[in-house]
């Protein structure tokens, strides 16, 4: 699944400008179904640095583009 398609599919969940960590896990699994729980935890910890349980859309797109 391509990054833009994934963002489009998840778009309704980002109505407030944030993605919760649970939805982010779903997105990351859709992009790579072989990703382990440990890898998911590491990716989420990198982007949700304040531990709020949410990631804003710009942070999400930055993570997905590898910038």
Protein backbone atom coordinates (compact mmCIF):
# COMPACT_ATOMS: atom_id res chain seq x y z
CA UNK A 1 0.00 0.00 0.00
CA UNK A 2 1.40 3.38 -0.98
CA UNK A 3 1.86 6.11 1.66
CA UNK A 4 -0.64 8.54 0.07
CA UNK A 5 -3.28 5.81 -0.24
CA UNK A 6 -2.80 4.88 3.39
CA UNK A 7 -3.16 8.50 4.46
CA UNK A 8 -6.31 8.85 2.32
CA UNK A 9 -7.87 5.74 3.87
CA UNK A 10 -7.03 6.90 7.38
CA UNK A 11 -8.03 10.51 6.65
CA UNK A 12 -11.38 10.39 8.48
CA UNK A 13 -9.54 9.29 11.64
CA UNK A 14 -7.40 12.44 11.44
CA UNK A 15 -10.29 14.90 11.53
CA UNK A 16 -8.90 16.70 14.56
CA UNK A 17 -5.38 16.83 13.10
CA UNK A 18 -4.09 13.91 15.15
CA UNK A 19 -3.80 10.14 14.80
CA UNK A 20 -4.00 8.10 17.96
CA UNK A 21 -1.31 5.48 18.53
CA UNK A 22 -3.74 2.61 17.95
CA UNK A 23 -4.64 3.92 14.48
CA UNK A 24 -0.96 4.57 13.76
CA UNK A 25 -0.22 0.91 14.51
CA UNK A 26 -2.91 -0.09 11.99
CA UNK A 27 -1.38 2.20 9.35
CA UNK A 28 2.13 0.86 9.92
CA UNK A 29 0.90 -2.73 9.76
CA UNK A 30 -0.91 -1.96 6.48
CA UNK A 31 2.34 -0.64 5.03
CA UNK A 32 4.40 -3.63 6.23
CA UNK A 33 2.49 -6.63 7.48
CA UNK A 34 5.77 -8.28 8.54
CA UNK A 35 6.61 -5.57 11.07
CA UNK A 36 7.02 -6.92 14.60
CA UNK A 37 5.40 -5.50 17.73
CA UNK A 38 8.86 -4.45 18.94
CA UNK A 39 9.51 -2.56 15.70
CA UNK A 40 6.10 -0.88 15.98
CA UNK A 41 6.87 0.16 19.55
CA UNK A 42 10.21 1.64 18.45
CA UNK A 43 8.66 3.55 15.53
CA UNK A 44 5.88 4.94 17.69
CA UNK A 45 8.30 5.94 20.47
CA UNK A 46 10.36 7.86 17.90
CA UNK A 47 7.43 9.94 16.72
CA UNK A 48 5.31 10.19 19.90
CA UNK A 49 8.17 11.61 21.93
CA UNK A 50 5.92 13.21 24.54
CA UNK A 51 4.03 9.96 25.14
CA UNK A 52 0.69 11.68 24.54
CA UNK A 53 -0.74 8.75 22.62
CA UNK A 54 -1.31 10.94 19.56
CA UNK A 55 0.71 11.94 16.50
CA UNK A 56 -0.17 14.98 14.41
CA UNK A 57 -0.55 14.57 10.67
CA UNK A 58 2.61 16.51 9.82
CA UNK A 59 4.66 14.30 12.17
CA UNK A 60 3.07 11.23 10.60
CA UNK A 61 3.88 12.35 7.05
CA UNK A 62 7.42 13.30 8.09
CA UNK A 63 7.93 9.85 9.56
CA UNK A 64 6.48 8.13 6.50
CA UNK A 65 8.63 10.14 4.08
CA UNK A 66 11.78 9.42 6.09
CA UNK A 67 12.68 13.08 6.52
